[in-house]
Amino acid sequence: MKIKATLLLAFAAIVWGASFLPSKLILEVCGVYEYLFYRFIISSFLFFIIVFKDIKNNYKNSYLGGSLSGICMAVAFILQTLSLKYIQSSSVAFLTGLNVIMVPFLSLILFKKIPSLKTIFLCFLACFGLYLFQNANINSFYIGEFLSLACALFFALLIVLVEKFLKDNDLNSFVFFQFFACAVVCFFAALFLDKISLAPLKDMQSLIYIIISAMILTIFCFFAQNYAQKFLQAQVVAILLLLEPISAGIIGYYFGEDFTKLQIVGIVLILLALAFC
């Protein structure tokens, strides 16, 4: 089962990485919050139809952990999608990938799991890589980079919470409450912070991408991650998710997103730190 879980999560991470650039493009015709709301409410509706019996039988044990992780997921996605407005998609992906370093420290803070000296060293290595990624200039660290790092923190928290709550819960009902809580947070964010309209559903191109996002990037990929965490430790899950920034970087480069030589060295150091974590 561990091999199946590993392969499933690796494929999901690659798919997620491939989605960064299209997500950046859809923001040209759709607001951040309303895009996320439609994506997750459609996911919730479709998944509810698929696993209704499991939800009915297990909702009492699953709603709390699923909802808490869903709130973290919503905040992470809002921060990530907002950051795409300011910096290139491959940069967002690489910075978000730093969540793998944050996972053991969040486990220490929340659940008293002490990280090893190796993990601490790799954390400093990743931070130095991040410094180089900013062309060795802290002053070049603007809002897009801060949003991406905050996003990484919430994705790390998501991984830790899923490990904590999912093992003793039904997978399907847990995932449903995760999606629904995320949709509710995005709805109120759209309502009070931006706008919510039917415009994205009337534009055929954005509608198609929202449906694809709901079915593949949300239902399939998050089911794969939660399924994998039934059998894999949080740190292993975080490492496998490194395939996300790698695939995003390759696709972004193919479509014209460039890196300086110093940034490439920084990326290599970050990936080395993440790979050996």
Protein backbone atom coordinates (compact mmCIF):
# COMPACT_ATOMS: atom_id res chain seq x y z
CA MET A 1 0.00 0.00 0.00
CA LYS A 2 2.91 2.37 0.69
CA ILE A 3 4.18 1.99 -2.89
CA LYS A 4 0.71 2.71 -4.28
CA ALA A 5 0.36 5.74 -2.01
CA THR A 6 3.81 7.02 -3.00
CA LEU A 7 3.16 6.73 -6.74
CA LEU A 8 -0.30 8.29 -6.45
CA LEU A 9 1.00 11.29 -4.51
CA ALA A 10 3.99 11.74 -6.84
CA PHE A 11 1.65 11.90 -9.84
CA ALA A 12 -0.64 14.36 -8.04
CA ALA A 13 2.33 16.61 -7.20
CA ILE A 14 3.38 16.71 -10.86
CA VAL A 15 -0.17 17.61 -11.90
CA TRP A 16 -0.27 20.38 -9.28
CA GLY A 17 3.02 21.75 -10.57
CA ALA A 18 1.65 21.83 -14.11
CA SER A 19 -1.31 23.91 -12.90
CA PHE A 20 0.62 26.98 -11.70
CA LEU A 21 0.91 28.69 -15.07
CA PRO A 22 -2.72 28.11 -16.15
CA SER A 23 -3.86 29.35 -12.72
CA LYS A 24 -1.86 32.53 -13.25
CA LEU A 25 -3.53 33.06 -16.64
CA ILE A 26 -7.10 32.58 -15.36
CA LEU A 27 -6.61 35.40 -12.85
CA GLU A 28 -6.64 37.77 -15.80
CA VAL A 29 -10.40 37.16 -16.21
CA CYS A 30 -11.41 35.99 -12.74
CA GLY A 31 -10.99 37.25 -9.17
CA VAL A 32 -8.81 35.22 -6.81
CA TYR A 33 -11.48 34.50 -4.23
CA GLU A 34 -14.33 33.80 -6.60
CA TYR A 35 -12.14 31.45 -8.65
CA LEU A 36 -11.27 29.49 -5.50
CA PHE A 37 -14.86 29.53 -4.28
CA TYR A 38 -16.24 28.10 -7.52
CA ARG A 39 -13.43 25.56 -7.68
CA PHE A 40 -14.05 24.21 -4.19
CA ILE A 41 -17.86 24.42 -4.10
CA ILE A 42 -18.04 22.41 -7.32
CA SER A 43 -15.55 19.93 -5.82
CA SER A 44 -17.66 19.67 -2.65
CA PHE A 45 -20.87 19.07 -4.62
CA LEU A 46 -19.37 16.41 -6.90
CA PHE A 47 -17.59 14.64 -4.06
CA PHE A 48 -20.75 14.71 -1.91
CA ILE A 49 -22.63 12.87 -4.67
CA ILE A 50 -19.86 10.28 -4.97
CA VAL A 51 -19.37 9.49 -1.26
CA PHE A 52 -22.74 10.41 0.30
CA LYS A 53 -23.04 7.11 2.22
CA ASP A 54 -19.59 7.48 3.79
CA ILE A 55 -20.39 11.05 4.88
CA LYS A 56 -23.71 9.96 6.40
CA ASN A 57 -22.07 7.17 8.39
CA ASN A 58 -18.92 8.99 9.53
CA TYR A 59 -19.62 12.72 9.69
CA LYS A 60 -19.58 12.87 13.51
CA ASN A 61 -15.93 11.79 13.64
CA SER A 62 -14.71 13.57 10.53
CA TYR A 63 -16.20 17.06 10.47
CA LEU A 64 -13.84 18.67 13.00
CA GLY A 65 -10.50 17.51 11.60
CA GLY A 66 -11.70 17.89 8.02
CA SER A 67 -12.98 21.42 8.65
CA LEU A 68 -9.82 22.58 10.45
CA SER A 69 -7.57 21.26 7.69
CA GLY A 70 -9.96 22.77 5.11
CA ILE A 71 -9.60 26.22 6.67
CA CYS A 72 -5.80 25.89 6.48
CA MET A 73 -6.12 24.74 2.89
CA ALA A 74 -8.28 27.76 2.02
CA VAL A 75 -5.82 30.24 3.54
CA ALA A 76 -2.91 28.51 1.77
CA PHE A 77 -4.62 28.62 -1.61
CA ILE A 78 -5.71 32.23 -1.19
CA LEU A 79 -2.13 33.26 -0.38
CA GLN A 80 -0.73 31.17 -3.22
CA THR A 81 -3.18 32.48 -5.79
CA LEU A 82 -2.64 36.08 -4.65
CA SER A 83 1.14 35.66 -4.97
CA LEU A 84 0.68 34.65 -8.62
CA LYS A 85 -0.41 38.25 -9.25
CA TYR A 86 3.03 39.56 -8.24
CA ILE A 87 5.72 37.02 -9.21
CA GLN A 88 6.16 34.36 -11.87
CA SER A 89 4.46 31.01 -11.34
CA SER A 90 7.69 29.00 -11.10
CA SER A 91 8.95 31.30 -8.32
CA VAL A 92 5.73 30.79 -6.37
CA ALA A 93 6.11 27.03 -6.75
CA PHE A 94 9.72 26.94 -5.52
CA LEU A 95 9.00 29.17 -2.51
CA THR A 96 5.88 27.18 -1.62
CA GLY A 97 8.06 24.06 -1.68
CA LEU A 98 9.78 25.30 1.47
CA ASN A 99 6.84 23.87 3.42
CA VAL A 100 8.83 20.63 3.64
CA ILE A 101 11.30 22.35 5.97
CA MET A 102 8.49 23.82 8.07
CA VAL A 103 6.70 20.51 8.70
CA PRO A 104 9.05 19.11 11.39
CA PHE A 105 9.14 22.43 13.27
CA LEU A 106 5.35 22.70 13.27
CA SER A 107 5.22 19.12 14.55
CA LEU A 108 7.55 20.21 17.36
CA ILE A 109 5.46 23.25 18.28
CA LEU A 110 2.07 21.54 18.06
CA PHE A 111 2.78 17.94 19.00
CA LYS A 112 6.21 18.00 20.75
CA LYS A 113 8.01 15.99 18.03
CA ILE A 114 11.69 17.03 18.23
CA PRO A 115 13.46 17.59 14.84
CA SER A 116 16.91 16.13 14.25
CA LEU A 117 20.14 18.13 13.89
CA LYS A 118 20.13 17.12 10.23
CA THR A 119 16.74 18.78 9.74
CA ILE A 120 17.95 21.97 11.43
CA PHE A 121 21.05 22.09 9.18
CA LEU A 122 18.95 21.53 6.05
CA CYS A 123 16.64 24.31 7.16
CA PHE A 124 19.55 26.76 7.23
CA LEU A 125 20.72 25.46 3.85
CA ALA A 126 17.28 26.06 2.38
CA CYS A 127 17.17 29.56 3.88
CA PHE A 128 20.56 30.36 2.29
CA GLY A 129 19.22 29.04 -1.01
CA LEU A 130 16.23 31.31 -0.59
CA TYR A 131 18.61 34.24 -0.02
CA LEU A 132 20.40 33.45 -3.30
CA PHE A 133 17.06 32.95 -5.00
CA GLN A 134 16.42 36.61 -4.26
CA ASN A 135 19.72 37.44 -5.99
CA ALA A 136 21.44 37.82 -2.58
CA ASN A 137 19.37 40.92 -1.95
CA ILE A 138 16.96 40.93 0.98
CA ASN A 139 15.55 44.24 -0.26
CA SER A 140 14.19 42.43 -3.33
CA PHE A 141 11.89 40.41 -1.10
CA TYR A 142 8.54 41.94 -1.96
CA ILE A 143 4.89 41.11 -1.34
CA GLY A 144 4.79 38.19 -3.79
CA GLU A 145 7.63 36.41 -1.99
CA PHE A 146 6.11 37.04 1.45
CA LEU A 147 2.75 35.71 0.28
CA SER A 148 4.43 32.57 -1.09
CA LEU A 149 6.27 31.91 2.19
CA ALA A 150 3.08 32.44 4.19
CA CYS A 151 1.40 30.01 1.79
CA ALA A 152 4.17 27.46 2.47
CA LEU A 153 3.54 27.81 6.22
CA PHE A 154 -0.16 27.04 5.86
CA PHE A 155 0.48 24.12 3.51
CA ALA A 156 2.91 22.74 6.11
CA LEU A 157 0.24 23.19 8.78
CA LEU A 158 -2.23 21.38 6.51
CA ILE A 159 0.11 18.38 6.22
CA VAL A 160 0.64 18.26 10.00
CA LEU A 161 -3.10 18.52 10.76
CA VAL A 162 -3.99 15.83 8.24
CA GLU A 163 -1.44 13.48 9.82
CA LYS A 164 -2.92 14.23 13.23
CA PHE A 165 -6.63 13.80 12.42
CA LEU A 166 -6.92 11.52 9.41
CA LYS A 167 -5.50 8.23 10.67
CA ASP A 168 -8.54 7.54 12.88
CA ASN A 169 -11.13 8.90 10.46
CA ASP A 170 -12.92 7.85 7.30
CA LEU A 171 -11.01 9.19 4.30
CA ASN A 172 -13.98 10.14 2.11
CA SER A 173 -15.97 12.05 4.72
CA PHE A 174 -12.78 13.77 5.93
CA VAL A 175 -11.99 14.98 2.40
CA PHE A 176 -15.56 16.23 1.86
CA PHE A 177 -15.48 18.42 4.99
CA GLN A 178 -12.04 19.65 3.93
CA PHE A 179 -13.39 20.79 0.55
CA PHE A 180 -16.58 22.30 2.00
CA ALA A 181 -14.78 24.28 4.73
CA CYS A 182 -12.39 25.61 2.10
CA ALA A 183 -15.32 26.68 -0.11
CA VAL A 184 -17.02 28.49 2.79
CA VAL A 185 -13.86 30.45 3.67
CA CYS A 186 -13.34 31.42 0.01
CA PHE A 187 -17.00 32.49 -0.30
CA PHE A 188 -16.77 34.93 2.61
CA ALA A 189 -13.39 36.16 1.37
CA ALA A 190 -14.94 36.88 -2.04
CA LEU A 191 -18.02 38.46 -0.45
CA PHE A 192 -16.20 40.87 1.86
CA LEU A 193 -12.75 41.39 0.33
CA ASP A 194 -13.32 41.37 -3.41
CA LYS A 195 -16.35 40.36 -5.46
CA ILE A 196 -18.41 37.35 -6.38
CA SER A 197 -20.31 37.13 -9.64
CA LEU A 198 -21.40 34.69 -12.29
CA ALA A 199 -18.93 36.14 -14.80
CA PRO A 200 -16.37 33.27 -14.47
CA LEU A 201 -19.16 30.75 -15.18
CA LYS A 202 -20.30 32.67 -18.26
CA ASP A 203 -16.82 32.80 -19.80
CA MET A 204 -16.32 29.42 -21.48
CA GLN A 205 -12.53 29.34 -21.09
CA SER A 206 -12.60 30.11 -17.37
CA LEU A 207 -15.56 27.76 -16.79
CA ILE A 208 -13.68 24.87 -18.42
CA TYR A 209 -10.60 25.54 -16.31
CA ILE A 210 -12.68 25.82 -13.09
CA ILE A 211 -14.32 22.45 -13.80
CA ILE A 212 -10.95 20.87 -14.60
CA SER A 213 -9.54 22.41 -11.41
CA ALA A 214 -12.44 21.01 -9.38
CA MET A 215 -12.24 17.49 -10.80
CA ILE A 216 -8.50 16.98 -11.24
CA LEU A 217 -6.56 19.54 -9.19
CA THR A 218 -8.92 19.32 -6.23
CA ILE A 219 -10.86 16.05 -6.01
CA PHE A 220 -8.20 13.78 -7.48
CA CYS A 221 -5.06 15.48 -6.17
CA PHE A 222 -6.24 16.16 -2.61
CA PHE A 223 -7.79 12.72 -2.36
CA ALA A 224 -4.39 11.36 -3.43
CA GLN A 225 -2.57 13.40 -0.77
CA ASN A 226 -4.97 12.44 2.00
CA TYR A 227 -4.90 8.80 0.90
CA ALA A 228 -1.09 8.86 0.95
CA GLN A 229 -1.05 10.30 4.46
CA LYS A 230 -2.95 7.24 5.65
CA PHE A 231 0.23 5.26 4.99
CA LEU A 232 3.14 7.75 4.87
CA GLN A 233 4.69 10.04 7.48
CA ALA A 234 4.15 13.79 7.10
CA GLN A 235 7.83 14.40 6.31
CA VAL A 236 7.78 11.82 3.49
CA VAL A 237 4.63 13.43 2.07
CA ALA A 238 6.29 16.85 2.13
CA ILE A 239 9.35 15.49 0.29
CA LEU A 240 7.23 13.87 -2.42
CA LEU A 241 5.48 17.20 -2.92
CA LEU A 242 8.84 18.59 -4.12
CA LEU A 243 7.85 17.27 -7.52
CA GLU A 244 5.36 20.15 -7.63
CA PRO A 245 7.86 23.06 -7.79
CA ILE A 246 10.15 21.04 -10.08
CA SER A 247 7.42 20.42 -12.65
CA ALA A 248 6.19 24.01 -12.30
CA GLY A 249 9.72 25.31 -12.89
CA ILE A 250 10.18 23.19 -16.01
CA ILE A 251 6.84 24.27 -17.48
CA GLY A 252 7.39 27.92 -16.56
CA TYR A 253 10.84 27.88 -18.21
CA TYR A 254 9.38 26.28 -21.34
CA PHE A 255 6.85 29.14 -21.59
CA GLY A 256 9.45 31.85 -21.14
CA GLU A 257 9.92 32.38 -17.39
CA ASP A 258 13.62 33.06 -16.84
CA PHE A 259 15.99 32.70 -13.87
CA THR A 260 19.35 34.41 -13.26
CA LYS A 261 22.42 32.24 -12.60
CA LEU A 262 22.34 33.19 -8.93
CA GLN A 263 18.68 32.21 -8.71
CA ILE A 264 19.47 28.84 -10.30
CA VAL A 265 22.16 28.22 -7.62
CA GLY A 266 19.58 29.15 -4.98
CA ILE A 267 17.04 26.75 -6.49
CA VAL A 268 19.61 23.94 -6.47
CA LEU A 269 20.41 24.55 -2.78
CA ILE A 270 16.71 24.63 -1.90
CA LEU A 271 16.06 21.38 -3.77
CA LEU A 272 19.10 19.71 -2.15
CA ALA A 273 17.87 20.72 1.29
CA LEU A 274 14.38 19.48 0.53
CA ALA A 275 15.54 16.23 -1.06
CA PHE A 276 17.68 15.22 1.94
CA CYS A 277 15.21 16.41 4.56
